[in-house]
Protein backbone atom coordinates (compact mmCIF):
# COMPACT_ATOMS: atom_id res chain seq x y z
CA MET A 1 84.91 81.25 76.95
CA LYS A 2 85.60 78.29 79.28
CA GLN A 3 88.84 76.70 80.54
CA GLY A 4 87.92 73.59 82.54
CA ALA A 5 86.02 74.63 85.65
CA ILE A 6 86.99 78.17 84.99
CA GLN A 7 84.81 80.52 82.95
CA LEU A 8 85.64 83.83 81.27
CA ARG A 9 82.73 86.15 80.91
CA VAL A 10 82.35 89.69 79.55
CA ILE A 11 79.97 92.12 81.23
CA ASN A 12 78.61 95.33 79.63
CA SER A 13 78.02 97.05 82.95
CA LEU A 14 79.79 96.97 86.26
CA SER A 15 76.29 96.88 87.83
CA ASP A 16 76.07 93.33 86.68
CA ILE A 17 78.20 92.35 89.74
CA THR A 18 78.10 93.69 93.31
CA GLU A 19 80.31 96.34 94.56
CA SER A 20 81.78 94.11 97.33
CA ALA A 21 82.57 91.41 94.72
CA TRP A 22 84.68 93.81 92.57
CA ASN A 23 86.27 95.66 95.50
CA ASP A 24 87.26 92.30 97.13
CA LEU A 25 89.62 91.84 94.00
CA LEU A 26 91.51 95.06 94.78
CA SER A 27 94.87 94.92 96.51
CA PRO A 28 95.93 97.57 99.00
CA ASN A 29 97.91 99.34 96.25
CA ALA A 30 95.05 99.38 93.77
CA GLY A 31 94.28 103.05 94.50
CA PRO A 32 90.93 104.93 94.16
CA PHE A 33 90.59 104.84 90.35
CA LEU A 34 89.87 101.06 90.30
CA LYS A 35 87.23 101.16 92.94
CA TYR A 36 83.78 100.17 91.97
CA ALA A 37 82.44 103.60 92.86
CA PHE A 38 84.76 105.39 90.42
CA LEU A 39 84.34 103.16 87.47
CA ASN A 40 80.56 102.68 88.00
CA ALA A 41 80.14 106.52 88.24
CA LEU A 42 81.55 106.83 84.74
CA GLU A 43 79.07 104.21 83.46
CA THR A 44 75.95 105.34 85.31
CA THR A 45 76.42 108.98 84.14
CA ALA A 46 77.19 107.94 80.52
CA CYS A 47 80.70 109.22 80.34
CA VAL A 48 81.57 105.88 79.03
CA GLY A 49 79.25 103.55 77.07
CA GLY A 50 76.57 104.61 74.60
CA ASN A 51 78.01 106.70 71.76
CA THR A 52 81.14 107.79 73.60
CA GLY A 53 83.36 105.23 71.84
CA TRP A 54 84.06 103.53 75.20
CA GLN A 55 81.96 100.24 75.05
CA VAL A 56 82.12 98.66 78.47
CA ALA A 57 83.41 95.04 78.24
CA HIS A 58 84.91 94.11 81.70
CA LEU A 59 86.52 90.67 81.51
CA LEU A 60 85.75 88.33 84.49
CA VAL A 61 87.11 84.99 85.64
CA GLU A 62 84.62 82.86 87.57
CA ASP A 63 84.55 79.34 88.86
CA SER A 64 81.82 76.77 88.14
CA ASP A 65 79.75 78.30 91.05
CA SER A 66 80.02 81.74 89.48
CA ASN A 67 82.36 83.01 92.24
CA LEU A 68 84.38 85.90 91.06
CA LEU A 69 88.10 84.91 90.88
CA GLY A 70 89.55 87.74 88.76
CA ALA A 71 88.79 90.61 86.50
CA MET A 72 90.20 93.13 84.07
CA PRO A 73 88.75 96.57 83.61
CA LEU A 74 88.14 96.61 79.81
CA TYR A 75 86.64 98.66 77.07
CA LEU A 76 86.19 98.27 73.27
CA LYS A 77 87.32 101.57 71.74
CA GLN A 78 86.17 103.23 68.53
CA HIS A 79 88.87 105.91 68.80
CA SER A 80 91.98 106.75 70.75
CA TYR A 81 90.85 109.74 72.69
CA GLY A 82 91.26 109.91 76.49
CA GLU A 83 94.09 107.31 76.63
CA PHE A 84 97.33 109.35 76.87
CA VAL A 85 99.25 106.62 74.91
CA PHE A 86 99.08 107.68 71.29
CA ASP A 87 98.49 105.12 68.42
CA TRP A 88 97.04 107.36 65.80
CA ALA A 89 99.83 106.47 63.43
CA TRP A 90 99.03 102.82 63.86
CA ALA A 91 95.45 103.44 63.09
CA GLN A 92 96.36 105.43 60.02
CA ALA A 93 98.59 102.62 58.69
CA TYR A 94 95.69 100.17 59.13
CA GLU A 95 93.41 102.37 57.13
CA GLN A 96 95.95 102.91 54.32
CA ASN A 97 96.09 99.16 53.97
CA GLY A 98 92.29 98.76 53.83
CA MET A 99 92.06 97.41 57.29
CA ASN A 100 90.03 98.50 60.32
CA TYR A 101 92.04 99.47 63.43
CA PHE A 102 88.84 100.24 65.36
CA PRO A 103 87.34 98.71 67.47
CA LYS A 104 90.25 97.67 69.65
CA ALA A 105 90.37 96.32 73.25
CA LEU A 106 91.62 98.65 75.94
CA SER A 107 92.38 97.94 79.57
CA ALA A 108 92.82 101.29 81.32
CA ILE A 109 91.23 103.83 83.63
CA PRO A 110 89.24 106.01 81.22
CA PHE A 111 90.67 109.65 80.94
CA THR A 112 93.23 108.84 83.67
CA PRO A 113 96.87 108.18 83.01
CA VAL A 114 97.80 106.51 86.27
CA ARG A 115 99.68 103.21 86.89
CA GLY A 116 97.79 100.44 88.83
CA PRO A 117 96.64 96.82 88.71
CA ARG A 118 94.93 95.74 85.58
CA LEU A 119 94.94 91.89 86.32
CA LEU A 120 92.69 91.86 89.42
CA VAL A 121 92.74 88.62 91.42
CA SER A 122 90.74 87.43 94.46
CA PRO A 123 93.00 86.81 97.47
CA LYS A 124 91.38 83.25 97.61
CA ALA A 125 92.52 82.45 94.14
CA ASP A 126 95.94 81.36 92.58
CA ARG A 127 97.29 84.80 91.57
CA ASP A 128 99.69 83.58 88.74
CA ALA A 129 97.06 81.24 87.27
CA ILE A 130 94.24 83.78 87.23
CA GLN A 131 96.55 86.50 85.82
CA ASP A 132 97.60 84.09 83.06
CA ILE A 133 93.94 83.29 82.23
CA LEU A 134 93.10 86.97 82.01
CA ALA A 135 96.06 87.86 79.81
CA SER A 136 95.47 84.96 77.43
CA GLY A 137 91.74 85.58 77.64
CA LEU A 138 92.23 89.08 76.39
CA LYS A 139 93.98 87.71 73.27
CA THR A 140 91.18 85.24 72.70
CA LEU A 141 88.64 88.00 73.02
CA VAL A 142 90.39 90.01 70.29
CA SER A 143 90.47 86.98 67.91
CA GLN A 144 86.94 85.91 68.51
CA ASN A 145 85.50 89.47 67.97
CA THR A 146 87.70 90.42 65.06
CA LEU A 147 89.36 93.28 66.88
CA SER A 148 92.67 94.67 65.65
CA SER A 149 94.55 94.68 68.86
CA ALA A 150 94.62 94.76 72.77
CA HIS A 151 96.26 97.54 74.75
CA VAL A 152 96.86 97.56 78.55
CA LEU A 153 97.85 101.02 79.71
CA PHE A 154 100.15 101.48 82.75
CA PRO A 155 99.83 98.20 84.53
CA GLU A 156 101.96 97.32 87.57
CA ASN A 157 105.45 96.12 86.85
CA ASP A 158 104.80 92.57 87.97
CA GLU A 159 101.95 92.41 85.49
CA LEU A 160 104.09 93.52 82.68
CA GLU A 161 105.90 90.33 83.08
CA GLN A 162 102.80 88.32 82.74
CA PHE A 163 101.92 90.19 79.49
CA LYS A 164 105.42 89.67 78.12
CA LYS A 165 104.97 85.85 78.60
CA GLN A 166 101.91 86.19 76.47
CA GLY A 167 103.70 87.91 73.65
CA PHE A 168 102.60 91.46 74.33
CA MET A 169 104.90 94.30 73.25
CA MET A 170 106.02 96.98 75.73
CA ARG A 171 105.85 100.71 75.16
CA ASP A 172 107.42 103.45 77.18
CA SER A 173 105.78 106.56 78.38
CA VAL A 174 107.25 109.47 80.49
CA GLN A 175 105.31 111.12 83.21
CA PHE A 176 106.43 113.81 85.83
CA HIS A 177 106.12 113.08 89.52
CA TRP A 178 107.02 115.17 92.60
CA HIS A 179 108.74 113.39 95.41
CA ASN A 180 108.48 114.42 99.04
CA ALA A 181 112.00 114.10 100.68
CA GLY A 182 110.35 114.82 104.15
CA TYR A 183 110.17 118.46 103.67
CA ALA A 184 109.12 120.46 106.71
CA ASP A 185 107.53 123.22 104.55
CA PHE A 186 107.53 124.71 101.11
CA GLU A 187 110.64 126.79 101.81
CA GLU A 188 112.63 123.56 102.60
CA PHE A 189 111.40 122.15 99.29
CA LEU A 190 112.62 125.31 97.60
CA ALA A 191 115.96 125.04 99.25
CA ALA A 192 116.47 121.60 97.67
CA LEU A 193 116.18 123.11 94.12
CA THR A 194 118.87 124.68 91.94
CA MET A 195 119.03 128.39 92.16
CA LYS A 196 117.48 128.86 88.76
CA ARG A 197 114.45 126.75 89.61
CA ARG A 198 114.04 128.39 93.00
CA LYS A 199 114.13 131.86 91.62
CA ASN A 200 111.70 130.92 88.87
CA ILE A 201 109.11 129.55 91.39
CA ARG A 202 109.41 132.47 93.67
CA ARG A 203 108.91 134.82 90.69
CA GLU A 204 105.73 132.97 89.55
CA ARG A 205 104.31 132.86 93.15
CA ALA A 206 104.99 136.62 93.55
CA ALA A 207 103.23 137.44 90.30
CA VAL A 208 100.02 135.76 91.64
CA ALA A 209 100.47 137.08 95.21
CA GLN A 210 100.39 140.71 93.96
CA HIS A 211 96.65 140.06 93.10
CA GLN A 212 95.98 139.23 96.79
CA ILE A 213 94.25 135.86 95.84
CA GLN A 214 93.26 133.66 98.69
CA TYR A 215 92.94 129.84 98.60
CA ARG A 216 90.34 127.53 100.10
CA HIS A 217 91.48 123.99 100.66
CA ILE A 218 88.32 121.85 100.89
CA PRO A 219 88.55 118.14 101.79
CA GLY A 220 85.99 116.09 99.82
CA SER A 221 84.29 115.16 103.02
CA ILE A 222 83.02 118.70 103.52
CA ALA A 223 82.79 119.84 99.91
CA THR A 224 79.22 120.99 98.98
CA LYS A 225 77.24 120.59 95.85
CA ASP A 226 77.94 124.34 95.11
CA ASP A 227 81.68 123.65 95.45
CA TRP A 228 81.55 120.79 93.03
CA ALA A 229 79.36 122.84 90.67
CA PHE A 230 81.92 125.68 90.65
CA PHE A 231 84.74 123.22 90.13
CA TYR A 232 82.89 121.73 87.19
CA ARG A 233 82.29 125.22 85.66
CA CYS A 234 86.08 125.68 85.78
CA TYR A 235 86.94 122.24 84.46
CA GLU A 236 84.42 122.67 81.57
CA ASN A 237 85.83 126.09 80.70
CA THR A 238 89.29 124.61 80.19
CA TYR A 239 87.86 122.38 77.46
CA ILE A 240 85.87 125.18 75.92
CA GLU A 241 88.91 127.33 75.65
CA HIS A 242 90.66 124.48 73.79
CA ARG A 243 87.61 124.03 71.59
CA SER A 244 86.72 120.52 72.75
CA ALA A 245 84.18 118.89 74.98
CA PRO A 246 84.89 117.66 78.51
CA TYR A 247 85.15 113.89 79.13
CA LEU A 248 83.26 114.09 82.43
CA SER A 249 79.79 115.55 83.16
CA GLU A 250 78.77 117.56 86.17
CA GLU A 251 76.55 114.69 87.13
CA CYS A 252 79.61 112.43 87.29
CA ILE A 253 81.64 114.87 89.38
CA GLN A 254 78.77 115.28 91.79
CA LEU A 255 78.36 111.54 92.12
CA LEU A 256 82.00 110.95 92.81
CA GLY A 257 82.07 113.70 95.31
CA ARG A 258 79.13 112.03 97.06
CA ASP A 259 80.36 108.44 96.86
CA MET A 260 84.21 108.88 97.25
CA PRO A 261 84.67 111.96 99.35
CA GLU A 262 87.62 110.65 101.22
CA HIS A 263 89.63 110.58 97.98
CA PHE A 264 89.14 114.11 96.92
CA HIS A 265 90.74 117.48 97.75
CA LEU A 266 89.45 120.64 96.23
CA ILE A 267 91.54 123.91 96.01
CA ILE A 268 89.67 127.03 95.04
CA ALA A 269 91.25 130.47 94.22
CA ILE A 270 89.31 133.55 95.53
CA LEU A 271 89.66 137.05 94.24
CA ASP A 272 87.78 139.90 95.96
CA GLU A 273 85.54 137.36 97.63
CA ARG A 274 84.79 135.73 94.18
CA PRO A 275 85.87 132.19 93.26
CA ILE A 276 87.82 132.43 90.05
CA ALA A 277 89.62 129.05 89.54
CA ALA A 278 89.75 125.49 90.96
CA SER A 279 91.91 122.46 90.88
CA LEU A 280 91.28 118.89 92.01
CA LEU A 281 93.45 116.39 93.78
CA VAL A 282 92.69 112.67 93.93
CA VAL A 283 94.14 111.40 97.18
CA ASP A 284 95.38 107.94 97.84
CA GLN A 285 96.40 108.35 101.46
CA PRO A 286 97.00 104.69 102.33
CA ASN A 287 99.64 104.60 99.54
CA SER A 288 100.80 108.08 100.31
CA LYS A 289 100.05 109.39 96.83
CA ALA A 290 98.19 112.32 95.31
CA TYR A 291 97.15 112.82 91.64
CA GLY A 292 96.70 116.10 90.00
CA ARG A 293 93.65 115.58 87.82
CA TYR A 294 91.90 118.73 86.62
CA TRP A 295 92.20 122.47 86.77
CA GLY A 296 90.25 125.35 85.31
CA ALA A 297 89.63 129.14 85.71
CA ILE A 298 86.92 131.55 84.78
CA GLU A 299 89.18 134.52 84.96
CA HIS A 300 92.77 134.79 83.70
CA ILE A 301 95.49 135.64 86.13
CA PRO A 302 99.17 135.11 84.92
CA CYS A 303 100.86 132.13 86.62
CA LEU A 304 97.59 131.17 88.55
CA HIS A 305 97.71 127.78 86.89
CA PHE A 306 101.20 127.02 88.33
CA GLU A 307 100.16 128.32 91.74
CA LEU A 308 96.89 126.32 92.00
CA ALA A 309 97.71 123.13 90.22
CA TYR A 310 101.29 122.73 91.44
CA TYR A 311 102.41 124.98 94.34
CA GLN A 312 99.29 124.77 96.46
CA SER A 313 99.15 121.09 95.73
CA ILE A 314 102.79 120.62 96.76
CA GLU A 315 102.16 122.48 100.01
CA TYR A 316 99.12 120.28 100.62
CA CYS A 317 101.36 117.08 100.13
CA ILE A 318 103.96 118.40 102.46
CA ASN A 319 101.41 119.30 105.13
CA GLU A 320 99.77 115.90 104.90
CA GLY A 321 103.00 113.91 104.56
CA ILE A 322 102.18 112.59 101.11
CA GLU A 323 105.13 111.07 99.44
CA ILE A 324 104.41 111.20 95.75
CA PHE A 325 102.36 113.82 93.75
CA GLU A 326 101.66 112.59 90.16
CA GLY A 327 101.39 115.49 87.87
CA GLY A 328 100.03 113.30 84.98
CA ALA A 329 101.00 112.74 81.44
CA GLN A 330 103.47 114.98 79.42
CA GLY A 331 104.45 118.37 80.35
CA GLU A 332 108.14 119.09 80.49
CA HIS A 333 107.40 122.40 82.12
CA LYS A 334 106.62 120.46 85.25
CA MET A 335 110.32 119.84 85.71
CA ALA A 336 110.87 123.55 86.30
CA ARG A 337 108.42 123.28 89.18
CA GLY A 338 110.26 120.40 90.92
CA PHE A 339 108.89 117.34 89.21
CA LEU A 340 111.10 114.48 88.03
CA PRO A 341 110.72 112.29 84.95
CA THR A 342 109.47 108.77 85.51
CA THR A 343 109.24 106.03 82.83
CA ILE A 344 106.29 103.74 82.92
CA GLN A 345 105.20 101.13 80.43
CA SER A 346 102.13 99.78 78.69
CA ALA A 347 101.55 96.38 76.90
CA HIS A 348 100.27 95.97 73.41
CA TRP A 349 99.01 93.01 71.35
CA ILE A 350 98.53 93.28 67.62
CA GLU A 351 96.46 90.51 66.10
CA ASP A 352 97.65 90.80 62.43
CA PRO A 353 101.10 89.16 62.22
CA GLY A 354 102.44 91.59 59.60
CA PHE A 355 101.35 94.66 61.51
CA SER A 356 102.69 93.10 64.72
CA LYS A 357 106.19 92.84 63.29
CA ALA A 358 105.97 96.36 62.00
CA VAL A 359 104.81 97.71 65.43
CA LYS A 360 107.53 95.70 67.11
CA ARG A 361 110.18 97.33 65.03
CA PHE A 362 108.70 100.69 65.69
CA LEU A 363 108.61 100.18 69.41
CA GLU A 364 112.24 99.09 69.39
CA ARG A 365 113.19 102.38 67.73
CA GLU A 366 110.94 104.30 69.93
CA HIS A 367 112.38 102.71 73.04
CA GLU A 368 115.91 103.78 72.03
CA GLY A 369 114.55 107.36 71.42
CA MET A 370 112.65 107.50 74.65
CA ALA A 371 115.75 106.35 76.59
CA ALA A 372 117.76 109.22 75.00
CA TYR A 373 114.94 111.63 75.75
CA VAL A 374 114.96 110.65 79.41
CA ASP A 375 118.76 110.89 79.58
CA GLU A 376 118.36 114.47 78.19
CA LEU A 377 115.68 115.28 80.73
CA GLU A 378 117.85 114.06 83.63
CA GLN A 379 120.50 116.60 82.65
CA HIS A 380 117.96 119.19 83.75
CA ILE A 381 116.84 117.67 87.08
CA PRO A 382 115.67 120.64 89.22
CA LEU A 383 117.18 119.25 92.45
CA LYS A 384 120.57 120.42 93.59
CA SER A 385 121.43 116.72 94.29
CA SER A 386 119.95 113.31 93.73
CA LYS A 387 118.42 113.42 97.20
CA VAL A 388 115.17 111.95 95.81
CA GLN A 389 114.98 109.35 93.07
CA PRO A 390 111.80 108.32 91.24
């Protein structure tokens, strides 16, 4: 696809371009998940690509000298697993009308429901122009490849405006984030909660404490291969218990730990000198954020999940002065542990005009329902006052 001196190109592997060329497109707020090392690790360890249903199709904008001006992380999907924005009903409606919903185009971080840039632009290029080319180019890619649709999950707010101009429809999602109000310690955080929530957390922590479990906080910079291997054992066991297969391989986890150690923090629970559970934080210290990604255990202890995945992580954020801890998609139970509801949006383009109108009506109704849902959640905010707002 060409537009004057500008060329749009699809690559089937991030290794087709250099790490520096990709990373030079990333703004300071891009976060760790968009880094070349993260996305490339998923590809080189076959967590995406091949028969996973995630065909790599990153969209590039280049000038006539093949200089990279912009890019969009992009995949052609054969299913909707690992996305955290659910469109199974749309796929079923297509099928009932004798049409194929898959493959579809998806711009997102695989298996990772975090907001971040999706329209990446070189600091040397015209930002608005390149973003416009990428957004319109995505629609052209859908048309030329007989895809059903394009979906851009959790882009930045300013990018949403660009997609709206291109006719994309917006869809709301609710996540739960913990906000640091400059707490000196965990007790000060507890003091900011309502009495009911404070008592509940103390009861849960006490239930775990009676087992005399100890916790190792391991910065990624000093985590060993054995540490990562144990974490993966716990992570894998969580999927096995839910009768599904993990998205990531141990090879991928080891590679990420090697190539991006500054962005990881492991927390391991130890009982009678035996490691029994682990959780992983992805840390974006320049932007003062931490992301709770995975947790798992090989031995069941009541309330250990809350302690390891939430309370130990909150203590870490307080100690490190991290402002926001994102608990991930879904999970109203997080509110009882001090998290607040946050609405974020995704952008969707449906190629078929008839289905596009139907989806538009659906999204309008869903938006109203989601607004009512958030209003209801806000009636149960765990803080005693609105000291912190998402």
